[in-house]
Structure formats: C-alpha cells, structure tokens
Amino acid sequence: MDTRGEAERARSFVELHERIHIIEDERAEQALLEELSRPQRPFILSFVNAHAANLGWNQPGMLDGLLRSDLLLRDGIGVKLGLKAMGRPYGLNMNGTDLIPKIARTYAGRKVALFGTRSPWLDNARGKLEEMGLEIVACHEGFAPTEKYLELAAETKPELIIMAMGMPKQEEVSVQLREHLKHPVLIVNGGAILDFIGGKVPRAPLVMRKVGMEWLFRLGLEPRRLFNRYVVGIPVFFSHLAAARKLGAVAPPGERA
C-alpha cells in the first residue's frame, strides 16, 4: 500500500473541505450574491459535492482545479454530513442548480458567455437566459479544445462565464481562463446547470429539494448513469473520510478549533 500517497490524498481531501465557504443564513447568501455581481478580477466559483470530492481523491487535476478556485461552496447532503463528521459548520446548502440562476439575474443587461453541454439544450438555455435580460455574447458547446474558449472569452469580454462541461474539464478550463483573461469576470463551474436551464433535466419536486433529496429524484430518472455517483459514491465518500481520520488528517474531537 502506498501509505505516503494515501496520506497526501487524505490531507488534500480535508483541505478541500476546510476551504468551503460556509453560508450561515439567507442574509449571508444575499451578501454573497451582491459580492459575486461585481468581481474585481477574473474570479472562479466552484461547488464541492461528494462526487467532486471522490474524483479529487484519485484525480490530481480535478483536485487542483477545485483548490485553485477563488471560492468553494457546499453542494449536497453528503458534504454536509462530511463536514459535520469533521466537527465543522456546514451552513446552508448552496447547490449550483439553485444559486447559479440567482447569480444570473444579478447580471441582467450585462455580457455573459455560456460554455458547455450541446444543442438543443445549449440553445434552449441561451433563450431562457436572454429572456431574463442577459446579453449572451458567446455560446459554445462543451467539447471543444480549451483554446476555443480562451479565444471566445478574450474576444467578447463577458462579465460572467457559466461553465457546464462536467468534471474535471470545467475546473481545468476555468483556471486557464482566469490566467488568460485580464478583465473582471466571474467564472462559475456549474456542471449540468445548462442542461437544467435548457430543459434536458427536470428539477425534483420542491419538497425533495428542501430536504436534500434531489439526488434520489435524479437517480430515479437516470439510474444507469448515476448509480455509481450516488449509490456507490456516497459510501466511497465516507470511506475516504474514514481513511483521512485513520491517517491523522482529521483532528480528534477534543483537538478541533
């Protein structure tokens, strides 16, 4: 067994959770939305869910992309339970599917780029965001070489870029966009957000969303694709937490700040 490698993965797993910015209440969420509406430089927002943490355990590129984000928010009940087990606050669930449309509304009348998914969902999402008042200045599916997104963003200078390429590509491309661009822009790693906005993936009933069970609704819709992510992935997530505890990356309860 590669004990040194396991220890490094455990430390990075814990660091990822320590970097999550906790939003305690709706007032803090409103303050966050206001701050995100006026970035002073290229700024990356990413979301940490159990699937992202699992990918980061075995894929250094994925973990590096997340840790190089300027702001990380908690997405999902798995990370909530993980933070609780670490003795850390967990705050509100800031999942991107709900938060990103709120962010988009603060950019009404401003220039926005959409990078991800494919038509017709991308075109549908563009139409709905334009109805919200956003000026879509660049729109491209999520399967192009990185250079294409760098070129489009540099030419059109959007104030908001919504990334929907899936993990880990979007995290890797977002870091390159930040390094390449010179103007203030918020870069949001949104996973399947354009599929949701574009109507490809329906939302769970509100009651399921409120109790953190939207994952179960999605599993019912796409059991073959999402079985490993949810049914296998959650136990794997907690096995990583157990490994971090065993290797000393998680402080014992009496030693936590």
C-alpha atoms as a PDB file:
ATOM      1  CA  MET A   1       0.000   0.000   0.000  1.00  0.00           C
ATOM      2  CA  ASP A   2       1.269   3.495  -0.913  1.00  0.00           C
ATOM      3  CA  THR A   3       0.951   4.986   2.593  1.00  0.00           C
ATOM      4  CA  ARG A   4       2.585   8.279   1.636  1.00  0.00           C
ATOM      5  CA  GLY A   5       0.246   8.672  -1.339  1.00  0.00           C
ATOM      6  CA  GLU A   6      -2.768   7.848   0.807  1.00  0.00           C
ATOM      7  CA  ALA A   7      -1.690  10.391   3.412  1.00  0.00           C
ATOM      8  CA  GLU A   8      -1.333  13.107   0.764  1.00  0.00           C
ATOM      9  CA  ARG A   9      -4.759  12.307  -0.652  1.00  0.00           C
ATOM     10  CA  ALA A  10      -6.235  12.386   2.851  1.00  0.00           C
ATOM     11  CA  ARG A  11      -4.705  15.788   3.609  1.00  0.00           C
ATOM     12  CA  SER A  12      -5.957  17.187   0.290  1.00  0.00           C
ATOM     13  CA  PHE A  13      -9.429  15.729   0.926  1.00  0.00           C
ATOM     14  CA  VAL A  14      -9.586  17.522   4.275  1.00  0.00           C
ATOM     15  CA  GLU A  15      -8.098  20.725   2.838  1.00  0.00           C
ATOM     16  CA  LEU A  16     -10.831  20.743   0.214  1.00  0.00           C
ATOM     17  CA  HIS A  17     -13.497  20.684   2.919  1.00  0.00           C
ATOM     18  CA  GLU A  18     -11.681  23.285   5.015  1.00  0.00           C
ATOM     19  CA  ARG A  19     -11.710  25.633   2.008  1.00  0.00           C
ATOM     20  CA  ILE A  20     -15.512  25.543   1.702  1.00  0.00           C
ATOM     21  CA  HIS A  21     -17.003  28.950   2.461  1.00  0.00           C
ATOM     22  CA  ILE A  22     -19.911  28.478   4.848  1.00  0.00           C
ATOM     23  CA  ILE A  23     -23.084  30.497   4.253  1.00  0.00           C
ATOM     24  CA  GLU A  24     -24.978  30.548   7.532  1.00  0.00           C
ATOM     25  CA  ASP A  25     -28.277  32.165   6.568  1.00  0.00           C
ATOM     26  CA  GLU A  26     -30.244  33.956   3.844  1.00  0.00           C
ATOM     27  CA  ARG A  27     -28.733  37.322   4.753  1.00  0.00           C
ATOM     28  CA  ALA A  28     -25.259  35.914   4.137  1.00  0.00           C
ATOM     29  CA  GLU A  29     -26.476  34.459   0.834  1.00  0.00           C
ATOM     30  CA  GLN A  30     -27.731  37.880  -0.304  1.00  0.00           C
ATOM     31  CA  ALA A  31     -24.414  39.452   0.664  1.00  0.00           C
ATOM     32  CA  LEU A  32     -22.621  36.771  -1.341  1.00  0.00           C
ATOM     33  CA  LEU A  33     -24.789  37.405  -4.417  1.00  0.00           C
ATOM     34  CA  GLU A  34     -24.011  41.103  -4.219  1.00  0.00           C
ATOM     35  CA  GLU A  35     -20.286  40.422  -3.945  1.00  0.00           C
ATOM     36  CA  LEU A  36     -20.327  37.970  -6.849  1.00  0.00           C
ATOM     37  CA  SER A  37     -22.142  40.503  -9.030  1.00  0.00           C
ATOM     38  CA  ARG A  38     -19.108  42.818  -9.043  1.00  0.00           C
ATOM     39  CA  PRO A  39     -15.843  40.853  -9.300  1.00  0.00           C
ATOM     40  CA  GLN A  40     -12.692  42.966  -9.347  1.00  0.00           C
ATOM     41  CA  ARG A  41     -10.677  40.449 -11.375  1.00  0.00           C
ATOM     42  CA  PRO A  42     -11.114  37.028 -13.026  1.00  0.00           C
ATOM     43  CA  PHE A  43     -12.711  35.048 -10.187  1.00  0.00           C
ATOM     44  CA  ILE A  44     -13.633  31.335 -10.084  1.00  0.00           C
ATOM     45  CA  LEU A  45     -16.617  29.970  -8.163  1.00  0.00           C
ATOM     46  CA  SER A  46     -16.871  26.185  -7.796  1.00  0.00           C
ATOM     47  CA  PHE A  47     -19.101  23.806  -5.879  1.00  0.00           C
ATOM     48  CA  VAL A  48     -18.000  20.846  -3.757  1.00  0.00           C
ATOM     49  CA  ASN A  49     -20.258  17.817  -3.606  1.00  0.00           C
ATOM     50  CA  ALA A  50     -19.457  14.231  -2.681  1.00  0.00           C
ATOM     51  CA  HIS A  51     -18.871  13.302  -6.329  1.00  0.00           C
ATOM     52  CA  ALA A  52     -16.344  16.121  -6.743  1.00  0.00           C
ATOM     53  CA  ALA A  53     -14.537  15.068  -3.569  1.00  0.00           C
ATOM     54  CA  ASN A  54     -14.400  11.464  -4.786  1.00  0.00           C
ATOM     55  CA  LEU A  55     -12.975  12.499  -8.151  1.00  0.00           C
ATOM     56  CA  GLY A  56     -10.430  14.674  -6.383  1.00  0.00           C
ATOM     57  CA  TRP A  57      -9.224  11.729  -4.292  1.00  0.00           C
ATOM     58  CA  ASN A  58      -7.958   9.890  -7.371  1.00  0.00           C
ATOM     59  CA  GLN A  59      -7.522  12.660  -9.951  1.00  0.00           C
ATOM     60  CA  PRO A  60      -4.923  15.300  -9.017  1.00  0.00           C
ATOM     61  CA  GLY A  61      -6.085  17.548 -11.884  1.00  0.00           C
ATOM     62  CA  MET A  62      -9.612  17.642 -10.541  1.00  0.00           C
ATOM     63  CA  LEU A  63      -8.474  18.376  -7.011  1.00  0.00           C
ATOM     64  CA  ASP A  64      -6.040  21.028  -8.196  1.00  0.00           C
ATOM     65  CA  GLY A  65      -8.787  22.760 -10.168  1.00  0.00           C
ATOM     66  CA  LEU A  66     -11.059  22.865  -7.149  1.00  0.00           C
ATOM     67  CA  LEU A  67      -8.367  24.059  -4.752  1.00  0.00           C
ATOM     68  CA  ARG A  68      -7.316  26.781  -7.198  1.00  0.00           C
ATOM     69  CA  SER A  69     -10.857  28.168  -7.258  1.00  0.00           C
ATOM     70  CA  ASP A  70     -11.285  31.516  -5.538  1.00  0.00           C
ATOM     71  CA  LEU A  71     -14.444  30.405  -3.749  1.00  0.00           C
ATOM     72  CA  LEU A  72     -15.839  26.961  -2.898  1.00  0.00           C
ATOM     73  CA  LEU A  73     -19.415  26.381  -1.753  1.00  0.00           C
ATOM     74  CA  ARG A  74     -21.077  23.289  -0.278  1.00  0.00           C
ATOM     75  CA  ASP A  75     -23.377  21.372  -2.594  1.00  0.00           C
ATOM     76  CA  GLY A  76     -25.369  18.481  -1.194  1.00  0.00           C
ATOM     77  CA  ILE A  77     -26.155  16.442   1.857  1.00  0.00           C
ATOM     78  CA  GLY A  78     -23.076  14.197   1.520  1.00  0.00           C
ATOM     79  CA  VAL A  79     -20.644  17.056   2.108  1.00  0.00           C
ATOM     80  CA  LYS A  80     -22.916  18.375   4.866  1.00  0.00           C
ATOM     81  CA  LEU A  81     -22.572  15.069   6.715  1.00  0.00           C
ATOM     82  CA  GLY A  82     -18.850  15.005   5.969  1.00  0.00           C
ATOM     83  CA  LEU A  83     -18.327  18.469   7.442  1.00  0.00           C
ATOM     84  CA  LYS A  84     -20.424  17.520  10.444  1.00  0.00           C
ATOM     85  CA  ALA A  85     -18.272  14.422  10.977  1.00  0.00           C
ATOM     86  CA  MET A  86     -15.182  16.658  10.845  1.00  0.00           C
ATOM     87  CA  GLY A  87     -16.675  18.837  13.550  1.00  0.00           C
ATOM     88  CA  ARG A  88     -17.036  21.777  11.177  1.00  0.00           C
ATOM     89  CA  PRO A  89     -20.025  24.060  10.465  1.00  0.00           C
ATOM     90  CA  TYR A  90     -21.894  23.293   7.262  1.00  0.00           C
ATOM     91  CA  GLY A  91     -24.385  26.149   6.829  1.00  0.00           C
ATOM     92  CA  LEU A  92     -26.908  26.335   4.008  1.00  0.00           C
ATOM     93  CA  ASN A  93     -26.873  24.017   1.018  1.00  0.00           C
ATOM     94  CA  MET A  94     -25.549  26.226  -1.782  1.00  0.00           C
ATOM     95  CA  ASN A  95     -26.124  23.911  -4.729  1.00  0.00           C
ATOM     96  CA  GLY A  96     -25.365  25.428  -8.105  1.00  0.00           C
ATOM     97  CA  THR A  97     -28.686  24.436  -9.646  1.00  0.00           C
ATOM     98  CA  ASP A  98     -30.444  26.926  -7.374  1.00  0.00           C
ATOM     99  CA  LEU A  99     -27.688  29.503  -6.877  1.00  0.00           C
ATOM    100  CA  ILE A 100     -26.483  29.989 -10.456  1.00  0.00           C
ATOM    101  CA  PRO A 101     -29.855  31.285 -11.759  1.00  0.00           C
ATOM    102  CA  LYS A 102     -29.833  33.741  -8.827  1.00  0.00           C
ATOM    103  CA  ILE A 103     -26.357  34.861  -9.864  1.00  0.00           C
ATOM    104  CA  ALA A 104     -27.509  35.156 -13.483  1.00  0.00           C
ATOM    105  CA  ARG A 105     -30.322  37.524 -12.500  1.00  0.00           C
ATOM    106  CA  THR A 106     -27.777  39.919 -10.982  1.00  0.00           C
ATOM    107  CA  TYR A 107     -26.122  40.084 -14.430  1.00  0.00           C
ATOM    108  CA  ALA A 108     -29.229  41.223 -16.325  1.00  0.00           C
ATOM    109  CA  GLY A 109     -28.214  43.692 -19.022  1.00  0.00           C
ATOM    110  CA  ARG A 110     -24.600  42.575 -18.878  1.00  0.00           C
ATOM    111  CA  LYS A 111     -22.408  40.406 -21.118  1.00  0.00           C
ATOM    112  CA  VAL A 112     -22.440  36.660 -20.452  1.00  0.00           C
ATOM    113  CA  ALA A 113     -20.779  33.619 -22.050  1.00  0.00           C
ATOM    114  CA  LEU A 114     -22.139  30.056 -21.952  1.00  0.00           C
ATOM    115  CA  PHE A 115     -19.643  27.213 -22.393  1.00  0.00           C
ATOM    116  CA  GLY A 116     -20.980  23.674 -22.082  1.00  0.00           C
ATOM    117  CA  THR A 117     -23.456  20.909 -22.962  1.00  0.00           C
ATOM    118  CA  ARG A 118     -24.666  20.824 -26.610  1.00  0.00           C
ATOM    119  CA  SER A 119     -27.645  21.781 -28.740  1.00  0.00           C
ATOM    120  CA  PRO A 120     -30.590  21.847 -28.438  1.00  0.00           C
ATOM    121  CA  TRP A 121     -30.098  22.227 -24.674  1.00  0.00           C
ATOM    122  CA  LEU A 122     -27.473  24.927 -25.059  1.00  0.00           C
ATOM    123  CA  ASP A 123     -29.708  26.913 -27.419  1.00  0.00           C
ATOM    124  CA  ASN A 124     -32.679  26.474 -25.075  1.00  0.00           C
ATOM    125  CA  ALA A 125     -30.622  27.687 -22.117  1.00  0.00           C
ATOM    126  CA  ARG A 126     -29.426  30.676 -24.125  1.00  0.00           C
ATOM    127  CA  GLY A 127     -33.011  31.612 -24.977  1.00  0.00           C
ATOM    128  CA  LYS A 128     -34.180  31.390 -21.373  1.00  0.00           C
ATOM    129  CA  LEU A 129     -31.250  33.437 -20.076  1.00  0.00           C
ATOM    130  CA  GLU A 130     -31.836  36.064 -22.732  1.00  0.00           C
ATOM    131  CA  GLU A 131     -35.460  36.244 -21.563  1.00  0.00           C
ATOM    132  CA  MET A 132     -34.036  37.034 -18.104  1.00  0.00           C
ATOM    133  CA  GLY A 133     -32.273  40.040 -19.648  1.00  0.00           C
ATOM    134  CA  LEU A 134     -28.754  38.671 -20.044  1.00  0.00           C
ATOM    135  CA  GLU A 135     -26.739  39.641 -23.119  1.00  0.00           C
ATOM    136  CA  ILE A 136     -25.228  36.384 -24.379  1.00  0.00           C
ATOM    137  CA  VAL A 137     -22.074  37.377 -26.261  1.00  0.00           C
ATOM    138  CA  ALA A 138     -20.518  33.900 -26.604  1.00  0.00           C
ATOM    139  CA  CYS A 139     -22.088  30.454 -26.653  1.00  0.00           C
ATOM    140  CA  HIS A 140     -20.267  27.200 -27.420  1.00  0.00           C
ATOM    141  CA  GLU A 141     -20.767  23.528 -26.669  1.00  0.00           C
ATOM    142  CA  GLY A 142     -18.537  21.946 -24.058  1.00  0.00           C
ATOM    143  CA  PHE A 143     -16.466  19.576 -26.188  1.00  0.00           C
ATOM    144  CA  ALA A 144     -14.057  21.961 -27.922  1.00  0.00           C
ATOM    145  CA  PRO A 145     -10.328  22.355 -27.199  1.00  0.00           C
ATOM    146  CA  THR A 146      -9.535  24.761 -24.373  1.00  0.00           C
ATOM    147  CA  GLU A 147      -8.079  27.285 -26.812  1.00  0.00           C
ATOM    148  CA  LYS A 148     -11.535  27.865 -28.316  1.00  0.00           C
ATOM    149  CA  TYR A 149     -12.980  29.080 -25.012  1.00  0.00           C
ATOM    150  CA  LEU A 150      -9.939  31.249 -24.321  1.00  0.00           C
ATOM    151  CA  GLU A 151     -10.305  32.850 -27.748  1.00  0.00           C
ATOM    152  CA  LEU A 152     -14.049  33.487 -27.427  1.00  0.00           C
ATOM    153  CA  ALA A 153     -13.738  34.938 -23.927  1.00  0.00           C
ATOM    154  CA  ALA A 154     -10.856  37.213 -24.903  1.00  0.00           C
ATOM    155  CA  GLU A 155     -12.760  38.496 -27.958  1.00  0.00           C
ATOM    156  CA  THR A 156     -16.130  39.115 -26.284  1.00  0.00           C
ATOM    157  CA  LYS A 157     -15.019  40.041 -22.720  1.00  0.00           C
ATOM    158  CA  PRO A 158     -18.031  38.641 -20.841  1.00  0.00           C
ATOM    159  CA  GLU A 159     -18.642  39.734 -17.266  1.00  0.00           C
ATOM    160  CA  LEU A 160     -19.998  36.286 -16.366  1.00  0.00           C
ATOM    161  CA  ILE A 161     -18.965  32.907 -17.774  1.00  0.00           C
ATOM    162  CA  ILE A 162     -21.171  29.910 -16.975  1.00  0.00           C
ATOM    163  CA  MET A 163     -19.253  26.662 -17.417  1.00  0.00           C
ATOM    164  CA  ALA A 164     -21.217  23.437 -17.908  1.00  0.00           C
ATOM    165  CA  MET A 165     -18.685  20.938 -19.212  1.00  0.00           C
ATOM    166  CA  GLY A 166     -18.748  18.468 -16.347  1.00  0.00           C
ATOM    167  CA  MET A 167     -15.904  17.493 -14.051  1.00  0.00           C
ATOM    168  CA  PRO A 168     -12.929  17.736 -14.260  1.00  0.00           C
ATOM    169  CA  LYS A 169     -12.780  19.566 -17.613  1.00  0.00           C
ATOM    170  CA  GLN A 170     -14.646  22.666 -16.462  1.00  0.00           C
ATOM    171  CA  GLU A 171     -12.386  23.104 -13.428  1.00  0.00           C
ATOM    172  CA  GLU A 172      -9.269  22.796 -15.572  1.00  0.00           C
ATOM    173  CA  VAL A 173     -10.547  25.181 -18.262  1.00  0.00           C
ATOM    174  CA  SER A 174     -11.727  27.727 -15.686  1.00  0.00           C
ATOM    175  CA  VAL A 175      -8.213  28.028 -14.249  1.00  0.00           C
ATOM    176  CA  GLN A 176      -6.805  28.650 -17.732  1.00  0.00           C
ATOM    177  CA  LEU A 177      -9.491  31.244 -18.413  1.00  0.00           C
ATOM    178  CA  ARG A 178      -8.557  33.080 -15.213  1.00  0.00           C
ATOM    179  CA  GLU A 179      -4.894  33.086 -16.201  1.00  0.00           C
ATOM    180  CA  HIS A 180      -5.658  34.209 -19.764  1.00  0.00           C
ATOM    181  CA  LEU A 181      -8.212  36.969 -19.170  1.00  0.00           C
ATOM    182  CA  LYS A 182      -7.353  40.478 -17.972  1.00  0.00           C
ATOM    183  CA  HIS A 183     -10.792  41.980 -17.327  1.00  0.00           C
ATOM    184  CA  PRO A 184     -13.058  41.430 -14.270  1.00  0.00           C
ATOM    185  CA  VAL A 185     -15.204  38.348 -14.842  1.00  0.00           C
ATOM    186  CA  LEU A 186     -16.971  35.778 -12.675  1.00  0.00           C
ATOM    187  CA  ILE A 187     -16.312  32.217 -13.895  1.00  0.00           C
ATOM    188  CA  VAL A 188     -18.838  29.743 -12.488  1.00  0.00           C
ATOM    189  CA  ASN A 189     -18.313  25.977 -12.691  1.00  0.00           C
ATOM    190  CA  GLY A 190     -21.891  24.773 -12.979  1.00  0.00           C
ATOM    191  CA  GLY A 191     -21.822  21.102 -14.031  1.00  0.00           C
ATOM    192  CA  ALA A 192     -25.218  20.281 -15.538  1.00  0.00           C
ATOM    193  CA  ILE A 193     -26.672  23.766 -14.986  1.00  0.00           C
ATOM    194  CA  LEU A 194     -27.281  24.494 -18.677  1.00  0.00           C
ATOM    195  CA  ASP A 195     -28.997  21.116 -19.046  1.00  0.00           C
ATOM    196  CA  PHE A 196     -31.329  22.106 -16.222  1.00  0.00           C
ATOM    197  CA  ILE A 197     -31.981  25.585 -17.620  1.00  0.00           C
ATOM    198  CA  GLY A 198     -32.321  24.184 -21.148  1.00  0.00           C
ATOM    199  CA  GLY A 199     -34.933  21.639 -20.098  1.00  0.00           C
ATOM    200  CA  LYS A 200     -32.958  18.431 -20.603  1.00  0.00           C
ATOM    201  CA  VAL A 201     -33.041  17.511 -16.909  1.00  0.00           C
ATOM    202  CA  PRO A 202     -36.172  18.285 -14.828  1.00  0.00           C
ATOM    203  CA  ARG A 203     -35.901  19.504 -11.246  1.00  0.00           C
ATOM    204  CA  ALA A 204     -37.126  17.421  -8.349  1.00  0.00           C
ATOM    205  CA  PRO A 205     -40.323  18.477  -6.545  1.00  0.00           C
ATOM    206  CA  LEU A 206     -39.701  21.354  -4.144  1.00  0.00           C
ATOM    207  CA  VAL A 207     -40.246  19.211  -1.057  1.00  0.00           C
ATOM    208  CA  MET A 208     -37.450  16.836  -2.132  1.00  0.00           C
ATOM    209  CA  ARG A 209     -35.121  19.756  -2.787  1.00  0.00           C
ATOM    210  CA  LYS A 210     -35.788  21.274   0.614  1.00  0.00           C
ATOM    211  CA  VAL A 211     -34.806  18.078   2.452  1.00  0.00           C
ATOM    212  CA  GLY A 212     -31.716  17.455   0.320  1.00  0.00           C
ATOM    213  CA  MET A 213     -33.136  14.500  -1.611  1.00  0.00           C
ATOM    214  CA  GLU A 214     -32.935  15.787  -5.170  1.00  0.00           C
ATOM    215  CA  TRP A 215     -30.203  13.223  -5.794  1.00  0.00           C
ATOM    216  CA  LEU A 216     -32.778  10.450  -5.277  1.00  0.00           C
ATOM    217  CA  PHE A 217     -35.092  12.030  -7.848  1.00  0.00           C
ATOM    218  CA  ARG A 218     -32.245  12.252 -10.358  1.00  0.00           C
ATOM    219  CA  LEU A 219     -31.235   8.666  -9.653  1.00  0.00           C
ATOM    220  CA  GLY A 220     -34.766   7.568 -10.491  1.00  0.00           C
ATOM    221  CA  LEU A 221     -34.578   9.400 -13.823  1.00  0.00           C
ATOM    222  CA  GLU A 222     -31.110   8.154 -14.827  1.00  0.00           C
ATOM    223  CA  PRO A 223     -30.355   5.037 -12.757  1.00  0.00           C
ATOM    224  CA  ARG A 224     -27.738   3.585 -15.105  1.00  0.00           C
ATOM    225  CA  ARG A 225     -25.706   6.791 -15.456  1.00  0.00           C
ATOM    226  CA  LEU A 226     -25.968   7.943 -11.838  1.00  0.00           C
ATOM    227  CA  PHE A 227     -25.825   4.625  -9.950  1.00  0.00           C
ATOM    228  CA  ASN A 228     -22.079   4.822  -9.367  1.00  0.00           C
ATOM    229  CA  ARG A 229     -22.218   8.506  -8.462  1.00  0.00           C
ATOM    230  CA  TYR A 230     -24.919   8.183  -5.797  1.00  0.00           C
ATOM    231  CA  VAL A 231     -25.374   4.577  -4.684  1.00  0.00           C
ATOM    232  CA  VAL A 232     -21.687   3.675  -4.808  1.00  0.00           C
ATOM    233  CA  GLY A 233     -20.286   7.189  -4.471  1.00  0.00           C
ATOM    234  CA  ILE A 234     -21.698   8.113  -1.072  1.00  0.00           C
ATOM    235  CA  PRO A 235     -20.189   5.077   0.718  1.00  0.00           C
ATOM    236  CA  VAL A 236     -16.927   5.745  -1.129  1.00  0.00           C
ATOM    237  CA  PHE A 237     -17.007   9.355   0.107  1.00  0.00           C
ATOM    238  CA  PHE A 238     -17.316   8.203   3.711  1.00  0.00           C
ATOM    239  CA  SER A 239     -14.587   5.617   3.207  1.00  0.00           C
ATOM    240  CA  HIS A 240     -12.324   8.496   2.194  1.00  0.00           C
ATOM    241  CA  LEU A 241     -13.357  10.384   5.320  1.00  0.00           C
ATOM    242  CA  ALA A 242     -12.579   7.298   7.417  1.00  0.00           C
ATOM    243  CA  ALA A 243      -9.179   6.982   5.726  1.00  0.00           C
ATOM    244  CA  ALA A 244      -8.446  10.655   6.443  1.00  0.00           C
ATOM    245  CA  ARG A 245      -9.331  10.115  10.084  1.00  0.00           C
ATOM    246  CA  LYS A 246      -7.186   6.966  10.319  1.00  0.00           C
ATOM    247  CA  LEU A 247      -4.206   8.709   8.725  1.00  0.00           C
ATOM    248  CA  GLY A 248      -4.486  11.632  11.126  1.00  0.00           C
ATOM    249  CA  ALA A 249      -5.666  14.219   8.588  1.00  0.00           C
ATOM    250  CA  VAL A 250      -8.830  14.855  10.638  1.00  0.00           C
ATOM    251  CA  ALA A 251      -8.166  16.105  14.155  1.00  0.00           C
ATOM    252  CA  PRO A 252      -9.758  14.193  17.064  1.00  0.00           C
ATOM    253  CA  PRO A 253     -12.874  15.903  18.508  1.00  0.00           C
ATOM    254  CA  GLY A 254     -11.013  17.300  21.520  1.00  0.00           C
ATOM    255  CA  GLU A 255      -8.392  18.977  19.302  1.00  0.00           C
ATOM    256  CA  ARG A 256     -10.755  20.777  16.913  1.00  0.00           C
ATOM    257  CA  ALA A 257     -10.849  24.538  16.969  1.00  0.00           C
END
